[in-house]
Amino acid sequence: MAALQNLSTEAANRAPMWSDKEGMRAVLTAAATTSDPLDSKAKLCALRTLQSLAAEAENKHSMWEDEAGIRSALIGAAKLSAPDDCKARICALGALWNLASDGANKEPMWLDEQGARACLLEAAQLTQQEGREARAYALAALWNLAVASANRGPMWEDETLTRKVLVDAALHEDPDGRTVRFHAVAALQHLADDCTNRQPMWADQTGARAAFIAAAKLTDPAERETRDHALRALWALATDAASAEPIWQDEDGAR
C-alpha cells in the first residue's frame, strides 16, 4: 500500500490509477474502510493515496459519484475522532477538500447533510492544538463549497451551525491560527457575494460584521490575503443600498 501511495504522488499516474476500477480502486476502498487496528498503517496509506488521486481534476467528480465506495470511505474516515486516527482523519478531510474544488461537486456535497456536510462542520469546530490541521482542511472545503452561488444563501441561513462555525473561526485570534482564520474569512467573503445575504451579514454586528472589520484591520504581512478577502467582503456589503450609509457612518469600524 505504501508503494501505491508513492506512485500517486506523481501527477501523471493519478488518472490511470483511478480508472482501474476492478484493481486499484477496489484495493484502495477495502484498505480505506478497514476497521482492523492491525491494518491501520495500510488504511492511512490508502487515504493518503486517495487524497493524492482527488487532486487530479479528471478524477474529482467520479470519485465523489462513487457513493458506496470512495465517498463512503472518505466520509467515514473524516468522522474519526480517536487520537490514534488523527492522521487518517486529516487525509480524508484533505481529500474532501480536493473534491470540493470541482464545480460539479460543490452543490451535491453541501446537500449531503448527514455525510460530507456533517463531517466538515464537525471538524471545523475542533479547537485543540492537535485538531488544527483537520480544522483548516474542513474550513478550506467549506470555502470551496461557498464558491457555488446555489450554496451561499443556505450556508448563511444555517445560523446555528454553518454560520456560527465560519464566524467563530473568522474571529479566531490565536496568532498560530492564521490558516483557520484565512479560510473562514474567505468562505464568508463568498457568502457576501450573494445579494440576499448582504443586509443580514452587515446587521450581524458581533458576527460577520465584526469578523470582516477585524480581518480588514490586520497588519501582519502574513495575513495579507485574509485582509484582502475581508476588504472584498466589505465592498460587497457596501454595494447594497440599505447597507451603504450605515457602513459609511461606522466611523470606528468599517470606515
C-alpha atoms as a PDB file:
ATOM      1  CA  MET A   1       0.000   0.000   0.000  1.00  0.00           C
ATOM      2  CA  ALA A   2       2.913   2.336   0.697  1.00  0.00           C
ATOM      3  CA  ALA A   3       4.131   1.749  -2.857  1.00  0.00           C
ATOM      4  CA  LEU A   4       0.744   2.855  -4.229  1.00  0.00           C
ATOM      5  CA  GLN A   5       0.947   5.958  -2.071  1.00  0.00           C
ATOM      6  CA  ASN A   6       4.323   6.786  -3.595  1.00  0.00           C
ATOM      7  CA  LEU A   7       3.031   6.205  -7.130  1.00  0.00           C
ATOM      8  CA  SER A   8       0.080   8.529  -6.528  1.00  0.00           C
ATOM      9  CA  THR A   9       2.388  11.452  -5.774  1.00  0.00           C
ATOM     10  CA  GLU A  10       3.263  11.529  -9.476  1.00  0.00           C
ATOM     11  CA  ALA A  11       0.555  13.604 -11.160  1.00  0.00           C
ATOM     12  CA  ALA A  12       0.733  11.610 -14.389  1.00  0.00           C
ATOM     13  CA  ASN A  13      -0.241   8.423 -12.528  1.00  0.00           C
ATOM     14  CA  ARG A  14      -3.386   9.705 -10.839  1.00  0.00           C
ATOM     15  CA  ALA A  15      -5.960   9.397 -13.612  1.00  0.00           C
ATOM     16  CA  PRO A  16      -4.798   5.926 -14.735  1.00  0.00           C
ATOM     17  CA  MET A  17      -4.704   4.684 -11.144  1.00  0.00           C
ATOM     18  CA  TRP A  18      -8.256   5.848 -10.521  1.00  0.00           C
ATOM     19  CA  SER A  19      -9.558   4.435 -13.811  1.00  0.00           C
ATOM     20  CA  ASP A  20      -8.518   0.909 -12.754  1.00  0.00           C
ATOM     21  CA  LYS A  21     -11.923   0.117 -11.228  1.00  0.00           C
ATOM     22  CA  GLU A  22     -11.569  -3.594 -10.551  1.00  0.00           C
ATOM     23  CA  GLY A  23      -7.988  -3.443  -9.363  1.00  0.00           C
ATOM     24  CA  MET A  24      -6.619  -0.252  -7.842  1.00  0.00           C
ATOM     25  CA  ARG A  25      -9.943   1.295  -6.876  1.00  0.00           C
ATOM     26  CA  ALA A  26     -11.212  -1.855  -5.177  1.00  0.00           C
ATOM     27  CA  VAL A  27      -7.965  -2.295  -3.239  1.00  0.00           C
ATOM     28  CA  LEU A  28      -7.975   1.319  -2.029  1.00  0.00           C
ATOM     29  CA  THR A  29     -11.625   1.158  -0.986  1.00  0.00           C
ATOM     30  CA  ALA A  30     -11.062  -2.010   1.016  1.00  0.00           C
ATOM     31  CA  ALA A  31      -7.971  -0.646   2.754  1.00  0.00           C
ATOM     32  CA  ALA A  32      -9.534   2.756   3.482  1.00  0.00           C
ATOM     33  CA  THR A  33     -12.587   1.205   5.122  1.00  0.00           C
ATOM     34  CA  THR A  34     -10.871  -1.422   7.267  1.00  0.00           C
ATOM     35  CA  SER A  35     -11.569  -1.252  10.985  1.00  0.00           C
ATOM     36  CA  ASP A  36      -8.876  -3.749  11.989  1.00  0.00           C
ATOM     37  CA  PRO A  37      -6.291  -1.969  14.190  1.00  0.00           C
ATOM     38  CA  LEU A  38      -3.613  -4.241  12.715  1.00  0.00           C
ATOM     39  CA  ASP A  39      -4.270  -2.675   9.316  1.00  0.00           C
ATOM     40  CA  SER A  40      -4.099   0.937  10.497  1.00  0.00           C
ATOM     41  CA  LYS A  41      -0.918   1.657   8.524  1.00  0.00           C
ATOM     42  CA  ALA A  42      -2.443   0.274   5.330  1.00  0.00           C
ATOM     43  CA  LYS A  43      -5.554   2.357   5.963  1.00  0.00           C
ATOM     44  CA  LEU A  44      -3.505   5.529   6.350  1.00  0.00           C
ATOM     45  CA  CYS A  45      -1.549   4.801   3.169  1.00  0.00           C
ATOM     46  CA  ALA A  46      -4.811   4.208   1.293  1.00  0.00           C
ATOM     47  CA  LEU A  47      -6.263   7.501   2.498  1.00  0.00           C
ATOM     48  CA  ARG A  48      -3.083   9.359   1.584  1.00  0.00           C
ATOM     49  CA  THR A  49      -3.286   7.786  -1.861  1.00  0.00           C
ATOM     50  CA  LEU A  50      -6.925   8.849  -2.228  1.00  0.00           C
ATOM     51  CA  GLN A  51      -6.016  12.374  -1.173  1.00  0.00           C
ATOM     52  CA  SER A  52      -3.466  12.467  -3.992  1.00  0.00           C
ATOM     53  CA  LEU A  53      -5.882  10.980  -6.532  1.00  0.00           C
ATOM     54  CA  ALA A  54      -8.501  13.550  -5.522  1.00  0.00           C
ATOM     55  CA  ALA A  55      -6.104  16.320  -6.530  1.00  0.00           C
ATOM     56  CA  GLU A  56      -6.427  15.245 -10.178  1.00  0.00           C
ATOM     57  CA  ALA A  57      -9.133  17.279 -11.939  1.00  0.00           C
ATOM     58  CA  GLU A  58     -10.128  14.330 -14.110  1.00  0.00           C
ATOM     59  CA  ASN A  59     -10.867  12.203 -11.026  1.00  0.00           C
ATOM     60  CA  LYS A  60     -12.765  14.598  -8.781  1.00  0.00           C
ATOM     61  CA  HIS A  61     -16.344  14.164  -9.945  1.00  0.00           C
ATOM     62  CA  SER A  62     -16.219  10.397 -10.443  1.00  0.00           C
ATOM     63  CA  MET A  63     -14.622   9.952  -7.014  1.00  0.00           C
ATOM     64  CA  TRP A  64     -17.498  11.841  -5.427  1.00  0.00           C
ATOM     65  CA  GLU A  65     -20.020   9.880  -7.505  1.00  0.00           C
ATOM     66  CA  ASP A  66     -18.620   6.594  -6.152  1.00  0.00           C
ATOM     67  CA  GLU A  67     -21.127   6.795  -3.319  1.00  0.00           C
ATOM     68  CA  ALA A  68     -20.839   3.336  -1.809  1.00  0.00           C
ATOM     69  CA  GLY A  69     -17.090   3.153  -2.298  1.00  0.00           C
ATOM     70  CA  ILE A  70     -14.721   6.091  -2.070  1.00  0.00           C
ATOM     71  CA  ARG A  71     -17.258   8.687  -0.929  1.00  0.00           C
ATOM     72  CA  SER A  72     -18.354   6.479   1.951  1.00  0.00           C
ATOM     73  CA  ALA A  73     -14.742   5.665   2.833  1.00  0.00           C
ATOM     74  CA  LEU A  74     -13.670   9.313   2.930  1.00  0.00           C
ATOM     75  CA  ILE A  75     -16.672  10.491   4.926  1.00  0.00           C
ATOM     76  CA  GLY A  76     -16.268   7.632   7.379  1.00  0.00           C
ATOM     77  CA  ALA A  77     -12.592   8.441   7.911  1.00  0.00           C
ATOM     78  CA  ALA A  78     -13.323  12.168   8.177  1.00  0.00           C
ATOM     79  CA  LYS A  79     -15.631  11.437  11.104  1.00  0.00           C
ATOM     80  CA  LEU A  80     -12.997   9.533  13.095  1.00  0.00           C
ATOM     81  CA  SER A  81     -12.318  11.196  16.428  1.00  0.00           C
ATOM     82  CA  ALA A  82      -9.933   8.898  18.319  1.00  0.00           C
ATOM     83  CA  PRO A  83      -6.446  10.394  18.853  1.00  0.00           C
ATOM     84  CA  ASP A  84      -4.855   7.442  17.040  1.00  0.00           C
ATOM     85  CA  ASP A  85      -6.965   8.254  13.969  1.00  0.00           C
ATOM     86  CA  CYS A  86      -5.859  11.876  13.711  1.00  0.00           C
ATOM     87  CA  LYS A  87      -3.678  11.383  10.616  1.00  0.00           C
ATOM     88  CA  ALA A  88      -6.322   9.304   8.846  1.00  0.00           C
ATOM     89  CA  ARG A  89      -8.918  11.976   9.524  1.00  0.00           C
ATOM     90  CA  ILE A  90      -6.657  14.715   8.171  1.00  0.00           C
ATOM     91  CA  CYS A  91      -6.059  12.773   4.939  1.00  0.00           C
ATOM     92  CA  ALA A  92      -9.776  12.152   4.459  1.00  0.00           C
ATOM     93  CA  LEU A  93     -10.588  15.822   5.031  1.00  0.00           C
ATOM     94  CA  GLY A  94      -7.798  16.777   2.644  1.00  0.00           C
ATOM     95  CA  ALA A  95      -9.334  14.517   0.009  1.00  0.00           C
ATOM     96  CA  LEU A  96     -12.796  16.038   0.551  1.00  0.00           C
ATOM     97  CA  TRP A  97     -11.251  19.497   0.235  1.00  0.00           C
ATOM     98  CA  ASN A  98      -9.830  18.446  -3.120  1.00  0.00           C
ATOM     99  CA  LEU A  99     -13.186  17.054  -4.262  1.00  0.00           C
ATOM    100  CA  ALA A 100     -14.977  20.234  -3.153  1.00  0.00           C
ATOM    101  CA  SER A 101     -12.944  22.260  -5.633  1.00  0.00           C
ATOM    102  CA  ASP A 102     -14.768  20.618  -8.547  1.00  0.00           C
ATOM    103  CA  GLY A 103     -17.669  22.697  -9.824  1.00  0.00           C
ATOM    104  CA  ALA A 104     -19.911  19.677 -10.302  1.00  0.00           C
ATOM    105  CA  ASN A 105     -19.366  18.521  -6.700  1.00  0.00           C
ATOM    106  CA  LYS A 106     -19.988  21.725  -4.762  1.00  0.00           C
ATOM    107  CA  GLU A 107     -23.773  21.675  -4.550  1.00  0.00           C
ATOM    108  CA  PRO A 108     -24.111  17.886  -4.054  1.00  0.00           C
ATOM    109  CA  MET A 109     -21.527  17.947  -1.270  1.00  0.00           C
ATOM    110  CA  TRP A 110     -23.395  20.710   0.541  1.00  0.00           C
ATOM    111  CA  LEU A 111     -26.705  18.883   0.089  1.00  0.00           C
ATOM    112  CA  ASP A 112     -25.184  15.719   1.591  1.00  0.00           C
ATOM    113  CA  GLU A 113     -26.325  16.865   5.012  1.00  0.00           C
ATOM    114  CA  GLN A 114     -25.552  13.743   7.035  1.00  0.00           C
ATOM    115  CA  GLY A 115     -22.393  12.895   5.115  1.00  0.00           C
ATOM    116  CA  ALA A 116     -19.942  15.422   3.701  1.00  0.00           C
ATOM    117  CA  ARG A 117     -21.568  18.474   5.263  1.00  0.00           C
ATOM    118  CA  ALA A 118     -21.752  16.887   8.702  1.00  0.00           C
ATOM    119  CA  CYS A 119     -18.138  15.707   8.793  1.00  0.00           C
ATOM    120  CA  LEU A 120     -16.821  19.055   7.514  1.00  0.00           C
ATOM    121  CA  LEU A 121     -18.782  21.065  10.062  1.00  0.00           C
ATOM    122  CA  GLU A 122     -17.765  18.726  12.874  1.00  0.00           C
ATOM    123  CA  ALA A 123     -14.073  19.034  12.022  1.00  0.00           C
ATOM    124  CA  ALA A 124     -14.381  22.798  11.511  1.00  0.00           C
ATOM    125  CA  GLN A 125     -15.258  23.111  15.209  1.00  0.00           C
ATOM    126  CA  LEU A 126     -12.079  21.457  16.502  1.00  0.00           C
ATOM    127  CA  THR A 127     -10.225  23.847  18.774  1.00  0.00           C
ATOM    128  CA  GLN A 128      -7.456  21.707  20.247  1.00  0.00           C
ATOM    129  CA  GLN A 129      -3.903  22.148  19.014  1.00  0.00           C
ATOM    130  CA  GLU A 130      -3.852  18.630  17.585  1.00  0.00           C
ATOM    131  CA  GLY A 131      -7.038  19.313  15.621  1.00  0.00           C
ATOM    132  CA  ARG A 132      -5.801  22.473  13.909  1.00  0.00           C
ATOM    133  CA  GLU A 133      -4.817  20.840  10.610  1.00  0.00           C
ATOM    134  CA  ALA A 134      -8.091  18.936  10.371  1.00  0.00           C
ATOM    135  CA  ARG A 135      -9.993  22.133  11.130  1.00  0.00           C
ATOM    136  CA  ALA A 136      -8.095  24.039   8.456  1.00  0.00           C
ATOM    137  CA  TYR A 137      -8.895  21.407   5.812  1.00  0.00           C
ATOM    138  CA  ALA A 138     -12.574  21.390   6.806  1.00  0.00           C
ATOM    139  CA  LEU A 139     -12.811  25.175   6.588  1.00  0.00           C
ATOM    140  CA  ALA A 140     -10.987  25.143   3.250  1.00  0.00           C
ATOM    141  CA  ALA A 141     -13.555  22.659   1.947  1.00  0.00           C
ATOM    142  CA  LEU A 142     -16.409  24.866   3.200  1.00  0.00           C
ATOM    143  CA  TRP A 143     -14.748  27.784   1.415  1.00  0.00           C
ATOM    144  CA  ASN A 144     -14.796  25.728  -1.787  1.00  0.00           C
ATOM    145  CA  LEU A 145     -18.484  24.961  -1.271  1.00  0.00           C
ATOM    146  CA  ALA A 146     -19.231  28.661  -0.702  1.00  0.00           C
ATOM    147  CA  VAL A 147     -17.939  29.428  -4.187  1.00  0.00           C
ATOM    148  CA  ALA A 148     -21.109  27.860  -5.639  1.00  0.00           C
ATOM    149  CA  SER A 149     -23.817  30.508  -5.860  1.00  0.00           C
ATOM    150  CA  ALA A 150     -26.520  27.929  -5.086  1.00  0.00           C
ATOM    151  CA  ASN A 151     -24.909  27.212  -1.700  1.00  0.00           C
ATOM    152  CA  ARG A 152     -24.402  30.775  -0.470  1.00  0.00           C
ATOM    153  CA  GLY A 153     -27.906  31.513   0.763  1.00  0.00           C
ATOM    154  CA  PRO A 154     -28.411  28.170   2.518  1.00  0.00           C
ATOM    155  CA  MET A 155     -24.968  28.283   4.115  1.00  0.00           C
ATOM    156  CA  TRP A 156     -25.624  31.710   5.632  1.00  0.00           C
ATOM    157  CA  GLU A 157     -29.171  30.799   6.656  1.00  0.00           C
ATOM    158  CA  ASP A 158     -27.867  27.815   8.640  1.00  0.00           C
ATOM    159  CA  GLU A 159     -27.463  30.146  11.600  1.00  0.00           C
ATOM    160  CA  THR A 160     -26.768  27.745  14.436  1.00  0.00           C
ATOM    161  CA  LEU A 161     -24.218  25.603  12.655  1.00  0.00           C
ATOM    162  CA  THR A 162     -22.558  26.701   9.392  1.00  0.00           C
ATOM    163  CA  ARG A 163     -22.775  30.425  10.079  1.00  0.00           C
ATOM    164  CA  LYS A 164     -21.580  30.009  13.655  1.00  0.00           C
ATOM    165  CA  VAL A 165     -18.716  27.722  12.622  1.00  0.00           C
ATOM    166  CA  LEU A 166     -17.454  30.184   9.999  1.00  0.00           C
ATOM    167  CA  VAL A 167     -17.850  33.276  12.170  1.00  0.00           C
ATOM    168  CA  ASP A 168     -16.182  31.656  15.185  1.00  0.00           C
ATOM    169  CA  ALA A 169     -13.217  30.624  13.032  1.00  0.00           C
ATOM    170  CA  ALA A 170     -13.019  34.041  11.354  1.00  0.00           C
ATOM    171  CA  LEU A 171     -12.850  35.699  14.777  1.00  0.00           C
ATOM    172  CA  HIS A 172     -10.100  33.276  15.856  1.00  0.00           C
ATOM    173  CA  GLU A 173      -7.376  35.393  17.484  1.00  0.00           C
ATOM    174  CA  ASP A 174      -4.667  32.788  18.039  1.00  0.00           C
ATOM    175  CA  PRO A 175      -1.558  34.036  16.160  1.00  0.00           C
ATOM    176  CA  ASP A 176      -0.829  30.423  15.223  1.00  0.00           C
ATOM    177  CA  GLY A 177      -4.310  30.022  13.757  1.00  0.00           C
ATOM    178  CA  ARG A 178      -3.786  32.180  10.676  1.00  0.00           C
ATOM    179  CA  THR A 179      -4.798  29.438   8.248  1.00  0.00           C
ATOM    180  CA  VAL A 180      -8.019  28.758  10.140  1.00  0.00           C
ATOM    181  CA  ARG A 181      -8.884  32.458  10.115  1.00  0.00           C
ATOM    182  CA  PHE A 182      -7.975  32.851   6.442  1.00  0.00           C
ATOM    183  CA  HIS A 183     -10.182  30.006   5.244  1.00  0.00           C
ATOM    184  CA  ALA A 184     -13.138  31.168   7.330  1.00  0.00           C
ATOM    185  CA  VAL A 185     -12.924  34.799   6.194  1.00  0.00           C
ATOM    186  CA  ALA A 186     -12.588  33.656   2.577  1.00  0.00           C
ATOM    187  CA  ALA A 187     -15.700  31.483   2.903  1.00  0.00           C
ATOM    188  CA  LEU A 188     -17.677  34.349   4.436  1.00  0.00           C
ATOM    189  CA  GLN A 189     -16.493  36.655   1.669  1.00  0.00           C
ATOM    190  CA  HIS A 190     -18.091  34.359  -0.898  1.00  0.00           C
ATOM    191  CA  LEU A 191     -21.310  34.320   1.119  1.00  0.00           C
ATOM    192  CA  ALA A 192     -21.259  38.131   0.958  1.00  0.00           C
ATOM    193  CA  ASP A 193     -21.281  37.874  -2.830  1.00  0.00           C
ATOM    194  CA  ASP A 194     -24.902  36.726  -2.597  1.00  0.00           C
ATOM    195  CA  CYS A 195     -27.073  39.838  -2.688  1.00  0.00           C
ATOM    196  CA  THR A 196     -29.672  38.300  -0.361  1.00  0.00           C
ATOM    197  CA  ASN A 197     -27.013  37.815   2.334  1.00  0.00           C
ATOM    198  CA  ARG A 198     -25.605  41.343   2.356  1.00  0.00           C
ATOM    199  CA  GLN A 199     -28.041  43.143   4.646  1.00  0.00           C
ATOM    200  CA  PRO A 200     -28.214  40.344   7.236  1.00  0.00           C
ATOM    201  CA  MET A 201     -24.426  39.960   7.218  1.00  0.00           C
ATOM    202  CA  TRP A 202     -23.946  43.656   7.933  1.00  0.00           C
ATOM    203  CA  ALA A 203     -26.690  43.504  10.562  1.00  0.00           C
ATOM    204  CA  ASP A 204     -24.829  40.636  12.268  1.00  0.00           C
ATOM    205  CA  GLN A 205     -22.900  43.141  14.359  1.00  0.00           C
ATOM    206  CA  THR A 206     -20.976  40.770  16.623  1.00  0.00           C
ATOM    207  CA  GLY A 207     -20.634  38.057  13.990  1.00  0.00           C
ATOM    208  CA  ALA A 208     -19.879  38.514  10.301  1.00  0.00           C
ATOM    209  CA  ARG A 209     -19.542  42.298  10.535  1.00  0.00           C
ATOM    210  CA  ALA A 210     -17.103  42.069  13.437  1.00  0.00           C
ATOM    211  CA  ALA A 211     -15.132  39.333  11.658  1.00  0.00           C
ATOM    212  CA  PHE A 212     -14.772  41.358   8.457  1.00  0.00           C
ATOM    213  CA  ILE A 213     -13.794  44.549  10.269  1.00  0.00           C
ATOM    214  CA  ALA A 214     -11.255  42.763  12.471  1.00  0.00           C
ATOM    215  CA  ALA A 215      -9.711  40.989   9.476  1.00  0.00           C
ATOM    216  CA  ALA A 216      -9.649  44.193   7.427  1.00  0.00           C
ATOM    217  CA  LYS A 217      -7.531  45.801  10.161  1.00  0.00           C
ATOM    218  CA  LEU A 218      -4.861  43.074  10.151  1.00  0.00           C
ATOM    219  CA  THR A 219      -1.375  44.449   9.544  1.00  0.00           C
ATOM    220  CA  ASP A 220       0.764  41.295   9.616  1.00  0.00           C
ATOM    221  CA  PRO A 221       2.125  40.718   6.070  1.00  0.00           C
ATOM    222  CA  ALA A 222       1.469  37.006   6.577  1.00  0.00           C
ATOM    223  CA  GLU A 223      -2.249  37.790   6.770  1.00  0.00           C
ATOM    224  CA  ARG A 224      -2.458  39.994   3.691  1.00  0.00           C
ATOM    225  CA  GLU A 225      -4.734  37.550   1.858  1.00  0.00           C
ATOM    226  CA  THR A 226      -7.093  37.361   4.832  1.00  0.00           C
ATOM    227  CA  ARG A 227      -7.256  41.150   4.875  1.00  0.00           C
ATOM    228  CA  ASP A 228      -7.907  41.239   1.127  1.00  0.00           C
ATOM    229  CA  HIS A 229     -10.843  38.850   1.466  1.00  0.00           C
ATOM    230  CA  ALA A 230     -12.282  40.934   4.296  1.00  0.00           C
ATOM    231  CA  LEU A 231     -11.997  44.144   2.285  1.00  0.00           C
ATOM    232  CA  ARG A 232     -13.670  42.490  -0.699  1.00  0.00           C
ATOM    233  CA  ALA A 233     -16.463  41.339   1.583  1.00  0.00           C
ATOM    234  CA  LEU A 234     -16.985  44.853   2.960  1.00  0.00           C
ATOM    235  CA  TRP A 235     -17.019  46.163  -0.607  1.00  0.00           C
ATOM    236  CA  ALA A 236     -19.729  43.619  -1.472  1.00  0.00           C
ATOM    237  CA  LEU A 237     -21.791  44.623   1.572  1.00  0.00           C
ATOM    238  CA  ALA A 238     -21.418  48.293   0.628  1.00  0.00           C
ATOM    239  CA  THR A 239     -22.967  47.649  -2.800  1.00  0.00           C
ATOM    240  CA  ASP A 240     -26.274  47.006  -1.046  1.00  0.00           C
ATOM    241  CA  ALA A 241     -28.218  50.262  -0.969  1.00  0.00           C
ATOM    242  CA  ALA A 242     -29.602  49.632   2.507  1.00  0.00           C
ATOM    243  CA  SER A 243     -26.132  48.990   3.957  1.00  0.00           C
ATOM    244  CA  ALA A 244     -24.079  51.666   2.188  1.00  0.00           C
ATOM    245  CA  GLU A 245     -24.945  54.558   4.503  1.00  0.00           C
ATOM    246  CA  PRO A 246     -24.599  52.579   7.767  1.00  0.00           C
ATOM    247  CA  ILE A 247     -21.215  51.293   6.589  1.00  0.00           C
ATOM    248  CA  TRP A 248     -20.028  54.855   5.960  1.00  0.00           C
ATOM    249  CA  GLN A 249     -21.367  56.013   9.317  1.00  0.00           C
ATOM    250  CA  ASP A 250     -19.482  53.224  11.121  1.00  0.00           C
ATOM    251  CA  GLU A 251     -16.576  55.594  11.704  1.00  0.00           C
ATOM    252  CA  ASP A 252     -14.520  53.413  14.045  1.00  0.00           C
ATOM    253  CA  GLY A 253     -15.306  50.170  12.255  1.00  0.00           C
ATOM    254  CA  ALA A 254     -15.882  49.675   8.540  1.00  0.00           C
ATOM    255  CA  ARG A 255     -14.949  53.225   7.544  1.00  0.00           C
END
